[in-house]
N, C-alpha and C. Protein backbone atom coordinates (compact mmCIF):
# COMPACT_ATOMS: atom_id res chain seq x y z
N MET A 1 62.93 36.96 -31.79
CA MET A 1 61.60 36.82 -31.25
C MET A 1 61.72 36.39 -29.80
N HIS A 2 60.84 36.91 -28.96
CA HIS A 2 60.84 36.56 -27.54
C HIS A 2 60.47 35.09 -27.35
N GLU A 3 60.95 34.49 -26.28
CA GLU A 3 60.73 33.07 -26.03
C GLU A 3 59.25 32.72 -25.95
N ARG A 4 58.49 33.46 -25.15
CA ARG A 4 57.07 33.17 -24.98
C ARG A 4 56.32 33.37 -26.30
N CYS A 5 56.70 34.37 -27.03
CA CYS A 5 56.05 34.63 -28.32
C CYS A 5 56.33 33.51 -29.31
N SER A 6 57.55 33.02 -29.32
CA SER A 6 57.94 32.02 -30.32
C SER A 6 57.15 30.73 -30.20
N ILE A 7 56.97 30.21 -29.01
CA ILE A 7 56.29 28.93 -28.85
C ILE A 7 54.81 29.03 -29.19
N TRP A 8 54.21 30.23 -29.02
CA TRP A 8 52.79 30.45 -29.33
C TRP A 8 52.58 30.86 -30.79
N SER A 9 53.63 31.20 -31.50
CA SER A 9 53.51 31.80 -32.84
C SER A 9 52.93 30.85 -33.87
N HIS A 10 52.15 31.43 -34.79
CA HIS A 10 51.52 30.68 -35.87
C HIS A 10 52.60 30.07 -36.77
N GLY A 11 52.50 28.77 -37.00
CA GLY A 11 53.46 28.07 -37.86
C GLY A 11 54.65 27.50 -37.14
N VAL A 12 54.82 27.81 -35.88
CA VAL A 12 55.95 27.28 -35.10
C VAL A 12 55.48 26.02 -34.38
N ARG A 13 56.28 24.99 -34.46
CA ARG A 13 55.96 23.71 -33.83
C ARG A 13 57.14 23.24 -32.99
N GLN A 14 56.80 22.56 -31.92
CA GLN A 14 57.83 21.95 -31.08
C GLN A 14 58.26 20.66 -31.76
N LYS A 15 59.55 20.50 -31.97
CA LYS A 15 60.06 19.29 -32.59
C LYS A 15 59.81 18.10 -31.67
N LYS A 16 59.56 16.95 -32.26
CA LYS A 16 59.37 15.74 -31.47
C LYS A 16 60.64 15.46 -30.68
N GLU A 17 60.45 14.82 -29.55
CA GLU A 17 61.57 14.42 -28.70
C GLU A 17 62.29 15.61 -28.05
N THR A 18 61.62 16.76 -27.95
CA THR A 18 62.22 17.89 -27.25
C THR A 18 61.34 18.25 -26.06
N SER A 19 61.99 18.66 -25.01
CA SER A 19 61.25 19.08 -23.83
C SER A 19 60.79 20.53 -24.02
N LEU A 20 59.87 20.98 -23.18
CA LEU A 20 59.40 22.36 -23.26
C LEU A 20 60.54 23.33 -22.99
N ASP A 21 61.48 22.95 -22.10
CA ASP A 21 62.64 23.80 -21.82
C ASP A 21 63.50 23.97 -23.07
N GLU A 22 63.71 22.89 -23.83
CA GLU A 22 64.47 22.98 -25.07
C GLU A 22 63.72 23.82 -26.10
N ALA A 23 62.41 23.65 -26.16
CA ALA A 23 61.61 24.42 -27.11
C ALA A 23 61.67 25.91 -26.77
N MET A 24 61.67 26.23 -25.49
CA MET A 24 61.71 27.63 -25.09
C MET A 24 63.05 28.28 -25.44
N SER A 25 64.08 27.49 -25.64
CA SER A 25 65.38 28.05 -26.04
C SER A 25 65.48 28.17 -27.55
N SER A 26 64.43 27.84 -28.27
CA SER A 26 64.29 27.88 -29.73
C SER A 26 65.03 26.75 -30.43
N LYS A 27 65.81 25.96 -29.73
CA LYS A 27 66.51 24.84 -30.36
C LYS A 27 65.54 23.73 -30.73
N GLY A 28 64.46 23.59 -29.99
CA GLY A 28 63.50 22.53 -30.23
C GLY A 28 62.30 22.97 -31.05
N LEU A 29 62.42 24.08 -31.77
CA LEU A 29 61.30 24.60 -32.55
C LEU A 29 61.57 24.53 -34.05
N SER A 30 60.52 24.30 -34.80
CA SER A 30 60.63 24.37 -36.26
C SER A 30 59.67 25.47 -36.74
N GLY A 31 60.01 26.10 -37.85
CA GLY A 31 59.17 27.15 -38.42
C GLY A 31 59.39 28.53 -37.83
N LEU A 32 60.40 28.66 -36.97
CA LEU A 32 60.62 29.93 -36.28
C LEU A 32 61.06 31.05 -37.23
N GLU A 33 61.95 30.74 -38.14
CA GLU A 33 62.43 31.78 -39.07
C GLU A 33 61.29 32.34 -39.91
N ASP A 34 60.43 31.47 -40.42
CA ASP A 34 59.29 31.91 -41.22
C ASP A 34 58.33 32.75 -40.37
N ALA A 35 58.13 32.37 -39.12
CA ALA A 35 57.23 33.12 -38.24
C ALA A 35 57.76 34.52 -37.99
N VAL A 36 59.06 34.66 -37.82
CA VAL A 36 59.66 35.98 -37.60
C VAL A 36 59.43 36.87 -38.83
N ILE A 37 59.68 36.32 -40.00
CA ILE A 37 59.52 37.10 -41.23
C ILE A 37 58.05 37.48 -41.45
N THR A 38 57.15 36.52 -41.28
CA THR A 38 55.72 36.76 -41.49
C THR A 38 55.16 37.75 -40.48
N SER A 39 55.60 37.66 -39.24
CA SER A 39 55.05 38.54 -38.20
C SER A 39 55.34 40.01 -38.46
N ALA A 40 56.39 40.30 -39.21
CA ALA A 40 56.71 41.70 -39.51
C ALA A 40 55.59 42.37 -40.28
N TRP A 41 54.75 41.58 -40.97
CA TRP A 41 53.65 42.12 -41.78
C TRP A 41 52.30 42.02 -41.09
N ASN A 42 52.27 41.39 -39.91
CA ASN A 42 51.00 41.19 -39.20
C ASN A 42 50.76 42.29 -38.18
N ARG A 43 49.65 42.97 -38.31
CA ARG A 43 49.26 44.03 -37.37
C ARG A 43 48.45 43.39 -36.24
N CYS A 44 48.77 43.75 -35.01
CA CYS A 44 48.09 43.22 -33.83
C CYS A 44 46.66 43.76 -33.75
N ALA A 45 45.71 42.86 -33.50
CA ALA A 45 44.30 43.24 -33.39
C ALA A 45 44.04 44.10 -32.16
N HIS A 46 44.92 44.04 -31.18
CA HIS A 46 44.72 44.80 -29.95
C HIS A 46 45.42 46.17 -29.99
N CYS A 47 46.72 46.19 -30.21
CA CYS A 47 47.47 47.45 -30.14
C CYS A 47 47.68 48.11 -31.50
N LYS A 48 47.41 47.38 -32.57
CA LYS A 48 47.52 47.86 -33.96
C LYS A 48 48.96 48.03 -34.45
N HIS A 49 49.94 47.58 -33.68
CA HIS A 49 51.34 47.64 -34.10
C HIS A 49 51.69 46.37 -34.87
N PHE A 50 52.70 46.46 -35.73
CA PHE A 50 53.16 45.30 -36.49
C PHE A 50 54.01 44.39 -35.60
N GLY A 51 54.20 43.17 -36.07
CA GLY A 51 55.03 42.21 -35.36
C GLY A 51 54.25 41.15 -34.61
N ALA A 52 52.94 41.10 -34.78
CA ALA A 52 52.11 40.11 -34.09
C ALA A 52 52.29 38.74 -34.73
N SER A 53 52.40 37.70 -33.92
CA SER A 53 52.66 36.36 -34.47
C SER A 53 51.71 35.28 -33.97
N ILE A 54 50.81 35.60 -33.06
CA ILE A 54 49.92 34.59 -32.50
C ILE A 54 48.54 34.75 -33.14
N LYS A 55 48.11 33.72 -33.83
CA LYS A 55 46.87 33.78 -34.61
C LYS A 55 45.67 33.27 -33.82
N CYS A 56 44.60 34.04 -33.83
CA CYS A 56 43.34 33.62 -33.21
C CYS A 56 42.78 32.45 -34.01
N LYS A 57 42.47 31.37 -33.32
CA LYS A 57 41.96 30.17 -33.99
C LYS A 57 40.57 30.41 -34.59
N ALA A 58 39.80 31.33 -34.03
CA ALA A 58 38.44 31.57 -34.50
C ALA A 58 38.36 32.60 -35.63
N SER A 59 39.10 33.70 -35.50
CA SER A 59 38.94 34.81 -36.45
C SER A 59 40.09 34.96 -37.44
N GLY A 60 41.26 34.40 -37.10
CA GLY A 60 42.43 34.56 -37.96
C GLY A 60 43.19 35.85 -37.71
N LYS A 61 42.72 36.68 -36.77
CA LYS A 61 43.45 37.91 -36.43
C LYS A 61 44.69 37.57 -35.63
N PHE A 62 45.67 38.46 -35.68
CA PHE A 62 46.94 38.22 -34.99
C PHE A 62 47.10 39.11 -33.77
N TYR A 63 47.85 38.60 -32.79
CA TYR A 63 48.12 39.32 -31.53
C TYR A 63 49.58 39.14 -31.16
N HIS A 64 50.11 40.09 -30.40
CA HIS A 64 51.37 39.88 -29.68
C HIS A 64 51.01 39.07 -28.43
N PHE A 65 51.95 38.34 -27.87
CA PHE A 65 51.66 37.55 -26.66
C PHE A 65 51.08 38.42 -25.54
N PRO A 66 51.73 39.53 -25.15
CA PRO A 66 51.16 40.31 -24.05
C PRO A 66 49.82 40.97 -24.42
N CYS A 67 49.63 41.28 -25.68
CA CYS A 67 48.37 41.89 -26.11
C CYS A 67 47.22 40.89 -26.05
N GLY A 68 47.52 39.63 -26.32
CA GLY A 68 46.50 38.60 -26.18
C GLY A 68 45.97 38.55 -24.77
N ALA A 69 46.87 38.56 -23.81
CA ALA A 69 46.47 38.54 -22.40
C ALA A 69 45.78 39.85 -22.00
N ALA A 70 46.34 40.97 -22.42
CA ALA A 70 45.78 42.28 -22.05
C ALA A 70 44.40 42.52 -22.65
N SER A 71 44.13 41.92 -23.80
CA SER A 71 42.86 42.15 -24.47
C SER A 71 41.72 41.31 -23.90
N GLY A 72 42.05 40.38 -23.02
CA GLY A 72 41.03 39.50 -22.46
C GLY A 72 40.78 38.28 -23.32
N SER A 73 41.71 37.98 -24.22
CA SER A 73 41.59 36.80 -25.07
C SER A 73 41.71 35.53 -24.24
N PHE A 74 41.12 34.46 -24.73
CA PHE A 74 41.22 33.14 -24.12
C PHE A 74 42.52 32.53 -24.64
N MET A 75 43.43 32.21 -23.74
CA MET A 75 44.71 31.62 -24.13
C MET A 75 44.84 30.28 -23.41
N HIS A 76 44.77 29.22 -24.17
CA HIS A 76 44.81 27.87 -23.63
C HIS A 76 46.25 27.36 -23.68
N LYS A 77 46.86 27.30 -22.52
CA LYS A 77 48.28 26.98 -22.43
C LYS A 77 48.62 25.57 -22.91
N ALA A 78 47.78 24.60 -22.60
CA ALA A 78 48.08 23.21 -22.95
C ALA A 78 48.15 22.99 -24.46
N THR A 79 47.34 23.72 -25.22
CA THR A 79 47.33 23.55 -26.68
C THR A 79 47.92 24.76 -27.41
N LEU A 80 48.39 25.75 -26.65
CA LEU A 80 48.95 26.97 -27.23
C LEU A 80 47.98 27.60 -28.23
N THR A 81 46.73 27.69 -27.81
CA THR A 81 45.66 28.22 -28.65
C THR A 81 45.14 29.54 -28.09
N LEU A 82 44.97 30.52 -28.97
CA LEU A 82 44.41 31.81 -28.59
C LEU A 82 43.08 31.99 -29.30
N ILE A 83 42.08 32.44 -28.54
CA ILE A 83 40.80 32.87 -29.10
C ILE A 83 40.64 34.32 -28.69
N GLY A 84 40.59 35.22 -29.66
CA GLY A 84 40.51 36.65 -29.39
C GLY A 84 39.26 37.03 -28.63
N SER A 85 39.32 38.17 -27.96
CA SER A 85 38.20 38.62 -27.12
C SER A 85 36.91 38.80 -27.92
N ALA A 86 36.99 39.14 -29.20
CA ALA A 86 35.80 39.31 -30.03
C ALA A 86 35.16 37.97 -30.39
N SER A 87 35.87 36.87 -30.18
CA SER A 87 35.38 35.54 -30.56
C SER A 87 35.19 34.62 -29.36
N LEU A 88 35.11 35.18 -28.17
CA LEU A 88 35.04 34.34 -26.96
C LEU A 88 33.84 33.40 -26.95
N ALA A 89 32.76 33.77 -27.61
CA ALA A 89 31.57 32.92 -27.65
C ALA A 89 31.86 31.59 -28.35
N LYS A 90 32.90 31.53 -29.16
CA LYS A 90 33.24 30.32 -29.90
C LYS A 90 34.09 29.34 -29.10
N VAL A 91 34.55 29.73 -27.92
CA VAL A 91 35.41 28.85 -27.12
C VAL A 91 34.71 27.54 -26.81
N GLY A 92 33.45 27.57 -26.47
CA GLY A 92 32.72 26.35 -26.13
C GLY A 92 32.54 25.41 -27.30
N ASN A 93 32.66 25.91 -28.52
CA ASN A 93 32.48 25.08 -29.72
C ASN A 93 33.75 24.32 -30.09
N LEU A 94 34.85 24.65 -29.47
CA LEU A 94 36.12 24.00 -29.79
C LEU A 94 36.37 22.92 -28.75
N GLY A 95 36.03 21.70 -29.09
CA GLY A 95 36.03 20.58 -28.15
C GLY A 95 37.33 20.33 -27.42
N GLU A 96 38.47 20.59 -28.08
CA GLU A 96 39.75 20.28 -27.44
C GLU A 96 40.12 21.30 -26.36
N LEU A 97 39.39 22.41 -26.28
CA LEU A 97 39.69 23.44 -25.28
C LEU A 97 38.72 23.29 -24.13
N ARG A 98 39.28 23.12 -22.96
CA ARG A 98 38.45 22.99 -21.78
C ARG A 98 38.78 24.13 -20.82
N PRO A 99 37.83 25.05 -20.61
CA PRO A 99 38.08 26.15 -19.68
C PRO A 99 38.53 25.62 -18.33
N GLY A 100 39.49 26.29 -17.75
CA GLY A 100 40.00 25.91 -16.45
C GLY A 100 41.27 25.08 -16.51
N GLN A 101 41.70 24.69 -17.69
CA GLN A 101 42.91 23.88 -17.82
C GLN A 101 44.03 24.72 -18.43
N GLY A 102 44.84 25.34 -17.60
CA GLY A 102 45.99 26.07 -18.07
C GLY A 102 45.67 27.35 -18.80
N LEU A 103 44.78 28.14 -18.26
CA LEU A 103 44.38 29.38 -18.91
C LEU A 103 45.27 30.54 -18.53
N ILE A 104 45.43 31.44 -19.47
CA ILE A 104 46.08 32.71 -19.21
C ILE A 104 45.04 33.77 -19.47
N CYS A 105 44.80 34.65 -18.53
CA CYS A 105 43.82 35.71 -18.74
C CYS A 105 44.16 36.90 -17.87
N ARG A 106 43.41 37.97 -18.04
CA ARG A 106 43.63 39.15 -17.22
C ARG A 106 43.17 38.88 -15.79
N SER A 107 43.82 39.51 -14.84
CA SER A 107 43.45 39.31 -13.44
C SER A 107 42.02 39.78 -13.18
N SER A 108 41.51 40.74 -13.96
CA SER A 108 40.15 41.23 -13.76
C SER A 108 39.12 40.17 -14.15
N GLN A 109 39.54 39.14 -14.90
CA GLN A 109 38.62 38.08 -15.30
C GLN A 109 38.52 36.97 -14.26
N LEU A 110 39.44 36.96 -13.32
CA LEU A 110 39.43 35.91 -12.31
C LEU A 110 38.38 36.20 -11.25
N LYS A 111 37.64 35.19 -10.87
CA LYS A 111 36.64 35.36 -9.81
C LYS A 111 37.35 35.31 -8.47
N ARG A 112 37.00 36.18 -7.62
CA ARG A 112 37.63 36.24 -6.31
C ARG A 112 36.68 35.71 -5.25
N GLY A 113 37.29 35.17 -4.19
CA GLY A 113 36.49 34.76 -3.06
C GLY A 113 36.29 33.36 -2.95
């Protein structure tokens, strides 16, 4: 599994006392093996291919990491939470997510000027 995908994957947790750099090397992660096996059966809500491991907190649909960004999903970096593009209206209802704090989104969503 790719590094970025692994840390965002459903069921994968960063072990206590590990830095983000250690977690990105998969040494500081738990649940990774199960996530790899489970993702083989998960079809991506965006591209429809199997292997998706990142679960939308609102709908339960799965995405690949790049598909989450390409689809216009809300990806909150600080909490490693994805809200799919079809559920964006629910972002405001999730108190722990604050827009503007570590977001990943498509460049077309960014306001210019």
